[in-house]
Amino acid sequence: MTLRTLAAATAALLTLGGTAACTRDGAGADPRRVDVVAAFYPLRFLAERIGGDAVRVTDLAKPGAEPHDLELNPRQVGQVAEAELVVYLSSFQPSVDEAVAQNAGDRAFDVTGVQPLLDVAAGGHDHEGDAGHEGAAGHAEEEHGGKDPHLWLDPTRLATVGDRLAERLGRVDPEHAADYTARAGSLRSELTKLDGEFTAGLATCQRREIVTSHTAFGYLTQRYRLEQVGLTGLSPEAEPSPQRLAEVVREARDHRASTIFFETLVSPKVAETVARTVGARTAVLDPIEGPPAEGDYLSAMRTNLQTLRTALDCS
């Protein structure tokens, strides 16, 4: 075999291997289905439930990994570039924002265009006439400001995003538009039922303050008239300052908090420290940024409800 023949054969094998890889991982895997890329689990849940068999959904975030910290590899950037629709939440994952801006163009569906984000509330109570407490709360707000991306923790907001996603999928794939609309309607019914369960389940509780490892639960607490006291702001890995830690301990004692919550993908050490200091227990409250160990978004939310009812002494 001559060198030229060998080089040609090698090139052919590399091309074949690349084609096979694209068939496994890229948009060409099933031409009968719409190729959708979802930035992280709650958006994957929406796309799968609304798209059904008509879509193929790729989740950019890996199970067990913190989606805030996602760094896309070249294969994932290629998936974004090849997708027929990219479902993401701008400003939540900078690497996804960059890939979308450079490669997705008008094929992107930004959830924040449907549901504008709330400001982060770091917690702290407005103790009228108590300048020390009021100043502490203001300091916490300043230290932990920003926008809260966790809108899916309000089922009514997630239902609205689902309705708009169905419309967008219908424009990408008009043949199945009615199916997308019907599935979004079915999901809205399930989310409305879930919302009713939370409203009823948290209506009569001995306490309404939840102490959390970071401020991921603003949408949930706003919807169900609870109050969040966060150890840290948006970043789940951030360590609270000694001043903030002292403020939270005081809040927990003032309101006789029986439970300090931490979340599934983050170390519980700080929550455990506060719990020991105030004589409370710890429990998991899942922000559902990644896929639950069992079940789906709906079952994870119902587990959160039962956890809250126990912690808040709800009748």
C-alpha atoms as a PDB file:
ATOM      1  CA  MET A   1       0.000   0.000   0.000  1.00  0.00           C
ATOM      2  CA  THR A   2       1.424   3.389  -1.010  1.00  0.00           C
ATOM      3  CA  LEU A   3       1.566   6.294   1.404  1.00  0.00           C
ATOM      4  CA  ARG A   4      -1.103   8.105  -0.635  1.00  0.00           C
ATOM      5  CA  THR A   5      -3.432   5.088  -0.500  1.00  0.00           C
ATOM      6  CA  LEU A   6      -2.844   4.700   3.251  1.00  0.00           C
ATOM      7  CA  ALA A   7      -3.607   8.391   3.855  1.00  0.00           C
ATOM      8  CA  ALA A   8      -6.815   8.156   1.836  1.00  0.00           C
ATOM      9  CA  ALA A   9      -7.943   5.070   3.757  1.00  0.00           C
ATOM     10  CA  THR A  10      -7.193   6.731   7.089  1.00  0.00           C
ATOM     11  CA  ALA A  11      -9.162   9.840   6.104  1.00  0.00           C
ATOM     12  CA  ALA A  12     -12.107   7.690   5.067  1.00  0.00           C
ATOM     13  CA  LEU A  13     -12.112   5.881   8.422  1.00  0.00           C
ATOM     14  CA  LEU A  14     -11.962   9.171  10.334  1.00  0.00           C
ATOM     15  CA  THR A  15     -14.851  10.539   8.300  1.00  0.00           C
ATOM     16  CA  LEU A  16     -16.866   7.402   8.937  1.00  0.00           C
ATOM     17  CA  GLY A  17     -16.140   7.610  12.672  1.00  0.00           C
ATOM     18  CA  GLY A  18     -17.151  11.270  12.768  1.00  0.00           C
ATOM     19  CA  THR A  19     -20.374  10.499  10.943  1.00  0.00           C
ATOM     20  CA  ALA A  20     -21.156   7.713  13.381  1.00  0.00           C
ATOM     21  CA  ALA A  21     -20.519  10.017  16.325  1.00  0.00           C
ATOM     22  CA  CYS A  22     -22.875  12.614  14.856  1.00  0.00           C
ATOM     23  CA  THR A  23     -25.506   9.944  14.352  1.00  0.00           C
ATOM     24  CA  ARG A  24     -25.192   8.922  18.010  1.00  0.00           C
ATOM     25  CA  ASP A  25     -24.952  12.378  19.604  1.00  0.00           C
ATOM     26  CA  GLY A  26     -26.138  15.000  17.154  1.00  0.00           C
ATOM     27  CA  ALA A  27     -29.283  16.224  15.511  1.00  0.00           C
ATOM     28  CA  GLY A  28     -29.171  13.553  12.849  1.00  0.00           C
ATOM     29  CA  ALA A  29     -29.923  10.727  15.277  1.00  0.00           C
ATOM     30  CA  ASP A  30     -33.626  10.574  14.355  1.00  0.00           C
ATOM     31  CA  PRO A  31     -34.825  12.802  11.497  1.00  0.00           C
ATOM     32  CA  ARG A  32     -38.452  12.045  12.436  1.00  0.00           C
ATOM     33  CA  ARG A  33     -38.106  13.901  15.751  1.00  0.00           C
ATOM     34  CA  VAL A  34     -37.309  17.501  16.637  1.00  0.00           C
ATOM     35  CA  ASP A  35     -33.859  17.777  18.196  1.00  0.00           C
ATOM     36  CA  VAL A  36     -34.183  19.842  21.398  1.00  0.00           C
ATOM     37  CA  VAL A  37     -31.333  20.800  23.723  1.00  0.00           C
ATOM     38  CA  ALA A  38     -32.324  21.684  27.299  1.00  0.00           C
ATOM     39  CA  ALA A  39     -29.875  23.568  29.506  1.00  0.00           C
ATOM     40  CA  PHE A  40     -30.739  21.745  32.748  1.00  0.00           C
ATOM     41  CA  TYR A  41     -33.283  19.399  34.322  1.00  0.00           C
ATOM     42  CA  PRO A  42     -36.500  21.444  34.841  1.00  0.00           C
ATOM     43  CA  LEU A  43     -36.318  22.590  31.213  1.00  0.00           C
ATOM     44  CA  ARG A  44     -35.684  19.018  30.090  1.00  0.00           C
ATOM     45  CA  PHE A  45     -38.747  17.941  32.093  1.00  0.00           C
ATOM     46  CA  LEU A  46     -40.879  20.528  30.268  1.00  0.00           C
ATOM     47  CA  ALA A  47     -39.515  19.642  26.831  1.00  0.00           C
ATOM     48  CA  GLU A  48     -40.023  15.909  27.344  1.00  0.00           C
ATOM     49  CA  ARG A  49     -43.535  16.244  28.743  1.00  0.00           C
ATOM     50  CA  ILE A  50     -44.709  18.660  26.059  1.00  0.00           C
ATOM     51  CA  GLY A  51     -42.749  17.199  23.166  1.00  0.00           C
ATOM     52  CA  GLY A  52     -43.561  13.554  23.836  1.00  0.00           C
ATOM     53  CA  ASP A  53     -42.446  11.135  21.141  1.00  0.00           C
ATOM     54  CA  ALA A  54     -42.106  13.952  18.615  1.00  0.00           C
ATOM     55  CA  VAL A  55     -38.914  15.315  20.194  1.00  0.00           C
ATOM     56  CA  ARG A  56     -35.472  14.077  21.186  1.00  0.00           C
ATOM     57  CA  VAL A  57     -34.211  15.995  24.235  1.00  0.00           C
ATOM     58  CA  THR A  58     -30.552  16.349  25.218  1.00  0.00           C
ATOM     59  CA  ASP A  59     -29.811  17.692  28.718  1.00  0.00           C
ATOM     60  CA  LEU A  60     -26.569  19.676  28.851  1.00  0.00           C
ATOM     61  CA  ALA A  61     -26.233  19.358  32.651  1.00  0.00           C
ATOM     62  CA  LYS A  62     -25.133  16.011  34.031  1.00  0.00           C
ATOM     63  CA  PRO A  63     -26.925  14.253  36.926  1.00  0.00           C
ATOM     64  CA  GLY A  64     -25.333  14.997  40.278  1.00  0.00           C
ATOM     65  CA  ALA A  65     -23.501  18.102  39.012  1.00  0.00           C
ATOM     66  CA  GLU A  66     -24.350  21.663  40.006  1.00  0.00           C
ATOM     67  CA  PRO A  67     -25.844  23.234  36.833  1.00  0.00           C
ATOM     68  CA  HIS A  68     -24.690  26.741  37.842  1.00  0.00           C
ATOM     69  CA  ASP A  69     -21.125  25.586  37.237  1.00  0.00           C
ATOM     70  CA  LEU A  70     -21.652  23.924  33.856  1.00  0.00           C
ATOM     71  CA  GLU A  71     -18.793  24.343  31.395  1.00  0.00           C
ATOM     72  CA  LEU A  72     -19.639  23.062  27.927  1.00  0.00           C
ATOM     73  CA  ASN A  73     -17.225  20.774  26.125  1.00  0.00           C
ATOM     74  CA  PRO A  74     -16.813  20.944  22.320  1.00  0.00           C
ATOM     75  CA  ARG A  75     -19.321  18.125  21.761  1.00  0.00           C
ATOM     76  CA  GLN A  76     -21.962  19.979  23.768  1.00  0.00           C
ATOM     77  CA  VAL A  77     -21.291  23.216  21.886  1.00  0.00           C
ATOM     78  CA  GLY A  78     -21.846  21.178  18.733  1.00  0.00           C
ATOM     79  CA  GLN A  79     -25.168  19.933  20.116  1.00  0.00           C
ATOM     80  CA  VAL A  80     -26.251  23.534  20.700  1.00  0.00           C
ATOM     81  CA  ALA A  81     -25.198  24.466  17.169  1.00  0.00           C
ATOM     82  CA  GLU A  82     -27.065  21.529  15.584  1.00  0.00           C
ATOM     83  CA  ALA A  83     -30.257  21.644  17.673  1.00  0.00           C
ATOM     84  CA  GLU A  84     -33.522  22.707  16.136  1.00  0.00           C
ATOM     85  CA  LEU A  85     -34.478  24.338  19.432  1.00  0.00           C
ATOM     86  CA  VAL A  86     -32.385  25.258  22.497  1.00  0.00           C
ATOM     87  CA  VAL A  87     -34.347  25.771  25.716  1.00  0.00           C
ATOM     88  CA  TYR A  88     -32.362  27.755  28.279  1.00  0.00           C
ATOM     89  CA  LEU A  89     -32.580  30.402  30.996  1.00  0.00           C
ATOM     90  CA  SER A  90     -30.310  33.333  30.293  1.00  0.00           C
ATOM     91  CA  SER A  91     -27.862  34.496  32.977  1.00  0.00           C
ATOM     92  CA  PHE A  92     -28.094  31.176  34.850  1.00  0.00           C
ATOM     93  CA  GLN A  93     -25.288  29.320  33.029  1.00  0.00           C
ATOM     94  CA  PRO A  94     -22.764  31.668  31.369  1.00  0.00           C
ATOM     95  CA  SER A  95     -21.257  28.951  29.164  1.00  0.00           C
ATOM     96  CA  VAL A  96     -24.708  28.138  27.768  1.00  0.00           C
ATOM     97  CA  ASP A  97     -25.412  31.844  27.181  1.00  0.00           C
ATOM     98  CA  GLU A  98     -22.181  32.102  25.192  1.00  0.00           C
ATOM     99  CA  ALA A  99     -22.870  28.981  23.131  1.00  0.00           C
ATOM    100  CA  VAL A 100     -26.396  30.163  22.354  1.00  0.00           C
ATOM    101  CA  ALA A 101     -25.209  33.642  21.346  1.00  0.00           C
ATOM    102  CA  GLN A 102     -22.535  32.230  19.032  1.00  0.00           C
ATOM    103  CA  ASN A 103     -24.327  29.200  17.591  1.00  0.00           C
ATOM    104  CA  ALA A 104     -28.097  29.082  18.179  1.00  0.00           C
ATOM    105  CA  GLY A 105     -29.340  32.370  16.745  1.00  0.00           C
ATOM    106  CA  ASP A 106     -33.126  32.373  16.343  1.00  0.00           C
ATOM    107  CA  ARG A 107     -33.331  28.703  17.389  1.00  0.00           C
ATOM    108  CA  ALA A 108     -33.189  29.597  21.104  1.00  0.00           C
ATOM    109  CA  PHE A 109     -36.110  29.714  23.548  1.00  0.00           C
ATOM    110  CA  ASP A 110     -35.180  31.861  26.556  1.00  0.00           C
ATOM    111  CA  VAL A 111     -37.435  31.168  29.536  1.00  0.00           C
ATOM    112  CA  THR A 112     -36.830  34.658  30.948  1.00  0.00           C
ATOM    113  CA  GLY A 113     -38.668  36.044  27.932  1.00  0.00           C
ATOM    114  CA  VAL A 114     -41.796  34.311  29.241  1.00  0.00           C
ATOM    115  CA  GLN A 115     -41.357  34.819  32.990  1.00  0.00           C
ATOM    116  CA  PRO A 116     -39.183  37.770  34.067  1.00  0.00           C
ATOM    117  CA  LEU A 117     -37.031  36.853  37.044  1.00  0.00           C
ATOM    118  CA  LEU A 118     -37.629  38.072  40.594  1.00  0.00           C
ATOM    119  CA  ASP A 119     -34.995  39.843  42.628  1.00  0.00           C
ATOM    120  CA  VAL A 120     -33.194  37.635  45.127  1.00  0.00           C
ATOM    121  CA  ALA A 121     -34.398  38.021  48.716  1.00  0.00           C
ATOM    122  CA  ALA A 122     -31.658  37.012  51.128  1.00  0.00           C
ATOM    123  CA  GLY A 123     -34.118  36.916  54.018  1.00  0.00           C
ATOM    124  CA  GLY A 124     -34.292  38.774  57.295  1.00  0.00           C
ATOM    125  CA  HIS A 125     -37.397  40.154  58.925  1.00  0.00           C
ATOM    126  CA  ASP A 126     -38.518  43.730  59.185  1.00  0.00           C
ATOM    127  CA  HIS A 127     -38.607  44.140  62.960  1.00  0.00           C
ATOM    128  CA  GLU A 128     -40.388  47.442  63.386  1.00  0.00           C
ATOM    129  CA  GLY A 129     -38.638  49.693  65.847  1.00  0.00           C
ATOM    130  CA  ASP A 130     -35.556  47.458  66.023  1.00  0.00           C
ATOM    131  CA  ALA A 131     -32.851  49.290  64.116  1.00  0.00           C
ATOM    132  CA  GLY A 132     -30.287  46.538  64.667  1.00  0.00           C
ATOM    133  CA  HIS A 133     -32.428  43.862  63.045  1.00  0.00           C
ATOM    134  CA  GLU A 134     -33.575  46.169  60.273  1.00  0.00           C
ATOM    135  CA  GLY A 135     -29.985  47.094  59.444  1.00  0.00           C
ATOM    136  CA  ALA A 136     -28.980  43.430  59.395  1.00  0.00           C
ATOM    137  CA  ALA A 137     -31.710  42.596  56.929  1.00  0.00           C
ATOM    138  CA  GLY A 138     -30.700  45.491  54.692  1.00  0.00           C
ATOM    139  CA  HIS A 139     -27.064  44.374  54.769  1.00  0.00           C
ATOM    140  CA  ALA A 140     -28.094  40.852  53.766  1.00  0.00           C
ATOM    141  CA  GLU A 141     -30.123  42.163  50.836  1.00  0.00           C
ATOM    142  CA  GLU A 142     -27.163  44.242  49.645  1.00  0.00           C
ATOM    143  CA  GLU A 143     -24.716  41.355  50.039  1.00  0.00           C
ATOM    144  CA  HIS A 144     -26.861  38.781  48.273  1.00  0.00           C
ATOM    145  CA  GLY A 145     -28.656  40.817  45.595  1.00  0.00           C
ATOM    146  CA  GLY A 146     -29.295  39.701  42.024  1.00  0.00           C
ATOM    147  CA  LYS A 147     -31.944  37.813  40.073  1.00  0.00           C
ATOM    148  CA  ASP A 148     -33.371  34.500  41.233  1.00  0.00           C
ATOM    149  CA  PRO A 149     -33.469  31.943  38.384  1.00  0.00           C
ATOM    150  CA  HIS A 150     -35.466  29.250  40.253  1.00  0.00           C
ATOM    151  CA  LEU A 151     -38.873  30.139  38.793  1.00  0.00           C
ATOM    152  CA  TRP A 152     -39.817  26.464  38.352  1.00  0.00           C
ATOM    153  CA  LEU A 153     -40.382  26.219  42.119  1.00  0.00           C
ATOM    154  CA  ASP A 154     -43.678  28.042  41.490  1.00  0.00           C
ATOM    155  CA  PRO A 155     -45.772  25.500  39.527  1.00  0.00           C
ATOM    156  CA  THR A 156     -48.000  28.228  38.067  1.00  0.00           C
ATOM    157  CA  ARG A 157     -45.009  29.974  36.506  1.00  0.00           C
ATOM    158  CA  LEU A 158     -43.716  26.691  35.120  1.00  0.00           C
ATOM    159  CA  ALA A 159     -47.121  26.024  33.552  1.00  0.00           C
ATOM    160  CA  THR A 160     -46.985  29.363  31.730  1.00  0.00           C
ATOM    161  CA  VAL A 161     -43.500  28.574  30.416  1.00  0.00           C
ATOM    162  CA  GLY A 162     -44.866  25.223  29.237  1.00  0.00           C
ATOM    163  CA  ASP A 163     -47.679  26.904  27.290  1.00  0.00           C
ATOM    164  CA  ARG A 164     -45.223  29.182  25.477  1.00  0.00           C
ATOM    165  CA  LEU A 165     -42.825  26.298  24.818  1.00  0.00           C
ATOM    166  CA  ALA A 166     -45.667  24.373  23.168  1.00  0.00           C
ATOM    167  CA  GLU A 167     -46.300  27.336  20.881  1.00  0.00           C
ATOM    168  CA  ARG A 168     -42.628  27.523  19.955  1.00  0.00           C
ATOM    169  CA  LEU A 169     -42.410  23.795  19.259  1.00  0.00           C
ATOM    170  CA  GLY A 170     -45.498  24.155  17.085  1.00  0.00           C
ATOM    171  CA  ARG A 171     -43.709  26.723  14.943  1.00  0.00           C
ATOM    172  CA  VAL A 172     -40.681  24.442  14.608  1.00  0.00           C
ATOM    173  CA  ASP A 173     -42.846  21.407  13.832  1.00  0.00           C
ATOM    174  CA  PRO A 174     -46.289  22.536  12.587  1.00  0.00           C
ATOM    175  CA  GLU A 175     -47.359  18.959  11.832  1.00  0.00           C
ATOM    176  CA  HIS A 176     -47.495  18.189  15.583  1.00  0.00           C
ATOM    177  CA  ALA A 177     -48.549  21.644  16.843  1.00  0.00           C
ATOM    178  CA  ALA A 178     -51.924  20.430  18.121  1.00  0.00           C
ATOM    179  CA  ASP A 179     -50.239  17.598  20.013  1.00  0.00           C
ATOM    180  CA  TYR A 180     -47.828  19.993  21.715  1.00  0.00           C
ATOM    181  CA  THR A 181     -50.714  22.233  22.758  1.00  0.00           C
ATOM    182  CA  ALA A 182     -52.686  19.283  24.135  1.00  0.00           C
ATOM    183  CA  ARG A 183     -49.752  17.962  26.138  1.00  0.00           C
ATOM    184  CA  ALA A 184     -49.033  21.421  27.542  1.00  0.00           C
ATOM    185  CA  GLY A 185     -52.679  21.612  28.609  1.00  0.00           C
ATOM    186  CA  SER A 186     -52.425  18.254  30.365  1.00  0.00           C
ATOM    187  CA  LEU A 187     -49.240  19.336  32.123  1.00  0.00           C
ATOM    188  CA  ARG A 188     -50.887  22.608  33.175  1.00  0.00           C
ATOM    189  CA  SER A 189     -53.669  20.591  34.799  1.00  0.00           C
ATOM    190  CA  GLU A 190     -51.113  18.551  36.754  1.00  0.00           C
ATOM    191  CA  LEU A 191     -49.242  21.678  37.816  1.00  0.00           C
ATOM    192  CA  THR A 192     -52.484  23.371  38.861  1.00  0.00           C
ATOM    193  CA  LYS A 193     -53.294  20.361  41.029  1.00  0.00           C
ATOM    194  CA  LEU A 194     -49.807  20.529  42.546  1.00  0.00           C
ATOM    195  CA  ASP A 195     -50.259  24.225  43.254  1.00  0.00           C
ATOM    196  CA  GLY A 196     -53.519  23.449  45.057  1.00  0.00           C
ATOM    197  CA  GLU A 197     -51.799  20.825  47.189  1.00  0.00           C
ATOM    198  CA  PHE A 198     -49.160  23.343  48.274  1.00  0.00           C
ATOM    199  CA  THR A 199     -51.739  26.046  48.971  1.00  0.00           C
ATOM    200  CA  ALA A 200     -53.841  23.751  51.136  1.00  0.00           C
ATOM    201  CA  GLY A 201     -50.905  21.955  52.741  1.00  0.00           C
ATOM    202  CA  LEU A 202     -49.166  25.150  53.866  1.00  0.00           C
ATOM    203  CA  ALA A 203     -52.250  27.157  54.793  1.00  0.00           C
ATOM    204  CA  THR A 204     -52.191  26.436  58.534  1.00  0.00           C
ATOM    205  CA  CYS A 205     -48.653  26.129  59.897  1.00  0.00           C
ATOM    206  CA  GLN A 206     -47.220  27.081  63.283  1.00  0.00           C
ATOM    207  CA  ARG A 207     -44.281  28.810  61.574  1.00  0.00           C
ATOM    208  CA  ARG A 208     -43.863  30.456  58.195  1.00  0.00           C
ATOM    209  CA  GLU A 209     -40.081  31.064  58.099  1.00  0.00           C
ATOM    210  CA  ILE A 210     -37.725  28.617  56.403  1.00  0.00           C
ATOM    211  CA  VAL A 211     -33.963  28.803  57.003  1.00  0.00           C
ATOM    212  CA  THR A 212     -32.145  27.640  53.862  1.00  0.00           C
ATOM    213  CA  SER A 213     -28.509  27.076  52.890  1.00  0.00           C
ATOM    214  CA  HIS A 214     -28.924  29.482  49.975  1.00  0.00           C
ATOM    215  CA  THR A 215     -31.689  31.661  48.612  1.00  0.00           C
ATOM    216  CA  ALA A 216     -33.113  29.332  45.982  1.00  0.00           C
ATOM    217  CA  PHE A 217     -36.712  29.312  47.220  1.00  0.00           C
ATOM    218  CA  GLY A 218     -37.989  32.850  46.655  1.00  0.00           C
ATOM    219  CA  TYR A 219     -40.648  31.825  44.119  1.00  0.00           C
ATOM    220  CA  LEU A 220     -41.950  29.079  46.383  1.00  0.00           C
ATOM    221  CA  THR A 221     -42.051  31.293  49.466  1.00  0.00           C
ATOM    222  CA  GLN A 222     -43.711  34.152  47.591  1.00  0.00           C
ATOM    223  CA  ARG A 223     -46.388  31.899  46.137  1.00  0.00           C
ATOM    224  CA  TYR A 224     -47.274  30.197  49.422  1.00  0.00           C
ATOM    225  CA  ARG A 225     -46.808  33.125  51.836  1.00  0.00           C
ATOM    226  CA  LEU A 226     -43.687  31.822  53.525  1.00  0.00           C
ATOM    227  CA  GLU A 227     -40.536  33.754  54.389  1.00  0.00           C
ATOM    228  CA  GLN A 228     -37.041  32.659  53.426  1.00  0.00           C
ATOM    229  CA  VAL A 229     -33.988  33.246  55.608  1.00  0.00           C
ATOM    230  CA  GLY A 230     -30.932  32.382  53.515  1.00  0.00           C
ATOM    231  CA  LEU A 231     -27.454  31.622  54.813  1.00  0.00           C
ATOM    232  CA  THR A 232     -25.972  32.773  51.501  1.00  0.00           C
ATOM    233  CA  GLY A 233     -27.166  34.364  48.289  1.00  0.00           C
ATOM    234  CA  LEU A 234     -27.459  32.863  44.812  1.00  0.00           C
ATOM    235  CA  SER A 235     -24.184  30.942  44.813  1.00  0.00           C
ATOM    236  CA  PRO A 236     -24.749  27.603  46.562  1.00  0.00           C
ATOM    237  CA  GLU A 237     -21.007  27.175  47.203  1.00  0.00           C
ATOM    238  CA  ALA A 238     -20.539  30.581  48.850  1.00  0.00           C
ATOM    239  CA  GLU A 239     -19.546  30.643  52.508  1.00  0.00           C
ATOM    240  CA  PRO A 240     -21.604  33.052  54.643  1.00  0.00           C
ATOM    241  CA  SER A 241     -19.706  35.826  56.367  1.00  0.00           C
ATOM    242  CA  PRO A 242     -19.450  35.620  60.167  1.00  0.00           C
ATOM    243  CA  GLN A 243     -21.851  38.569  60.381  1.00  0.00           C
ATOM    244  CA  ARG A 244     -24.406  36.852  58.158  1.00  0.00           C
ATOM    245  CA  LEU A 245     -24.062  33.612  60.103  1.00  0.00           C
ATOM    246  CA  ALA A 246     -24.749  35.455  63.356  1.00  0.00           C
ATOM    247  CA  GLU A 247     -27.806  37.135  61.800  1.00  0.00           C
ATOM    248  CA  VAL A 248     -29.255  33.813  60.667  1.00  0.00           C
ATOM    249  CA  VAL A 249     -28.646  32.205  64.049  1.00  0.00           C
ATOM    250  CA  ARG A 250     -30.502  35.089  65.685  1.00  0.00           C
ATOM    251  CA  GLU A 251     -33.386  34.801  63.219  1.00  0.00           C
ATOM    252  CA  ALA A 252     -33.616  31.045  63.744  1.00  0.00           C
ATOM    253  CA  ARG A 253     -33.732  31.463  67.510  1.00  0.00           C
ATOM    254  CA  ASP A 254     -36.219  34.322  67.375  1.00  0.00           C
ATOM    255  CA  HIS A 255     -38.644  32.209  65.365  1.00  0.00           C
ATOM    256  CA  ARG A 256     -37.901  28.893  67.067  1.00  0.00           C
ATOM    257  CA  ALA A 257     -36.857  27.255  63.786  1.00  0.00           C
ATOM    258  CA  SER A 258     -36.913  23.494  64.221  1.00  0.00           C
ATOM    259  CA  THR A 259     -35.235  22.723  60.883  1.00  0.00           C
ATOM    260  CA  ILE A 260     -32.335  24.170  58.884  1.00  0.00           C
ATOM    261  CA  PHE A 261     -32.611  23.185  55.220  1.00  0.00           C
ATOM    262  CA  PHE A 262     -29.808  22.253  52.874  1.00  0.00           C
ATOM    263  CA  GLU A 263     -30.059  21.047  49.294  1.00  0.00           C
ATOM    264  CA  THR A 264     -29.203  17.955  47.331  1.00  0.00           C
ATOM    265  CA  LEU A 265     -26.137  19.092  45.352  1.00  0.00           C
ATOM    266  CA  VAL A 266     -24.402  21.177  48.042  1.00  0.00           C
ATOM    267  CA  SER A 267     -22.435  20.319  51.205  1.00  0.00           C
ATOM    268  CA  PRO A 268     -24.617  20.468  54.352  1.00  0.00           C
ATOM    269  CA  LYS A 269     -21.761  21.608  56.632  1.00  0.00           C
ATOM    270  CA  VAL A 270     -22.887  25.212  57.160  1.00  0.00           C
ATOM    271  CA  ALA A 271     -26.509  24.178  57.694  1.00  0.00           C
ATOM    272  CA  GLU A 272     -25.365  21.573  60.209  1.00  0.00           C
ATOM    273  CA  THR A 273     -23.335  24.203  62.064  1.00  0.00           C
ATOM    274  CA  VAL A 274     -26.331  26.513  62.400  1.00  0.00           C
ATOM    275  CA  ALA A 275     -28.579  23.610  63.402  1.00  0.00           C
ATOM    276  CA  ARG A 276     -26.212  22.569  66.192  1.00  0.00           C
ATOM    277  CA  THR A 277     -25.971  26.153  67.420  1.00  0.00           C
ATOM    278  CA  VAL A 278     -29.743  26.653  67.713  1.00  0.00           C
ATOM    279  CA  GLY A 279     -30.680  23.091  68.649  1.00  0.00           C
ATOM    280  CA  ALA A 280     -32.478  22.315  65.372  1.00  0.00           C
ATOM    281  CA  ARG A 281     -32.354  19.393  62.956  1.00  0.00           C
ATOM    282  CA  THR A 282     -31.420  19.487  59.273  1.00  0.00           C
ATOM    283  CA  ALA A 283     -33.442  18.332  56.270  1.00  0.00           C
ATOM    284  CA  VAL A 284     -33.144  18.382  52.496  1.00  0.00           C
ATOM    285  CA  LEU A 285     -35.219  20.902  50.557  1.00  0.00           C
ATOM    286  CA  ASP A 286     -34.610  20.232  46.883  1.00  0.00           C
ATOM    287  CA  PRO A 287     -34.352  23.213  44.481  1.00  0.00           C
ATOM    288  CA  ILE A 288     -34.740  20.626  41.690  1.00  0.00           C
ATOM    289  CA  GLU A 289     -31.918  22.033  39.606  1.00  0.00           C
ATOM    290  CA  GLY A 290     -30.870  18.483  38.710  1.00  0.00           C
ATOM    291  CA  PRO A 291     -32.915  15.311  38.177  1.00  0.00           C
ATOM    292  CA  PRO A 292     -34.284  13.756  41.388  1.00  0.00           C
ATOM    293  CA  ALA A 293     -32.830  10.441  42.501  1.00  0.00           C
ATOM    294  CA  GLU A 294     -36.303   8.959  42.080  1.00  0.00           C
ATOM    295  CA  GLY A 295     -39.337  10.164  40.188  1.00  0.00           C
ATOM    296  CA  ASP A 296     -39.600  13.495  38.401  1.00  0.00           C
ATOM    297  CA  TYR A 297     -40.234  17.186  39.051  1.00  0.00           C
ATOM    298  CA  LEU A 298     -43.762  16.549  40.310  1.00  0.00           C
ATOM    299  CA  SER A 299     -42.749  13.900  42.831  1.00  0.00           C
ATOM    300  CA  ALA A 300     -39.769  15.994  44.007  1.00  0.00           C
ATOM    301  CA  MET A 301     -42.074  18.945  44.626  1.00  0.00           C
ATOM    302  CA  ARG A 302     -44.452  16.753  46.623  1.00  0.00           C
ATOM    303  CA  THR A 303     -41.525  15.518  48.712  1.00  0.00           C
ATOM    304  CA  ASN A 304     -40.617  19.164  49.353  1.00  0.00           C
ATOM    305  CA  LEU A 305     -44.195  19.821  50.469  1.00  0.00           C
ATOM    306  CA  GLN A 306     -44.136  17.021  53.019  1.00  0.00           C
ATOM    307  CA  THR A 307     -40.723  18.180  54.278  1.00  0.00           C
ATOM    308  CA  LEU A 308     -42.039  21.721  54.741  1.00  0.00           C
ATOM    309  CA  ARG A 309     -45.199  20.565  56.484  1.00  0.00           C
ATOM    310  CA  THR A 310     -43.148  18.597  58.999  1.00  0.00           C
ATOM    311  CA  ALA A 311     -40.666  21.417  59.606  1.00  0.00           C
ATOM    312  CA  LEU A 312     -43.309  24.116  59.960  1.00  0.00           C
ATOM    313  CA  ASP A 313     -45.725  22.081  62.096  1.00  0.00           C
ATOM    314  CA  CYS A 314     -48.589  22.335  59.628  1.00  0.00           C
ATOM    315  CA  SER A 315     -51.937  20.881  60.640  1.00  0.00           C
END
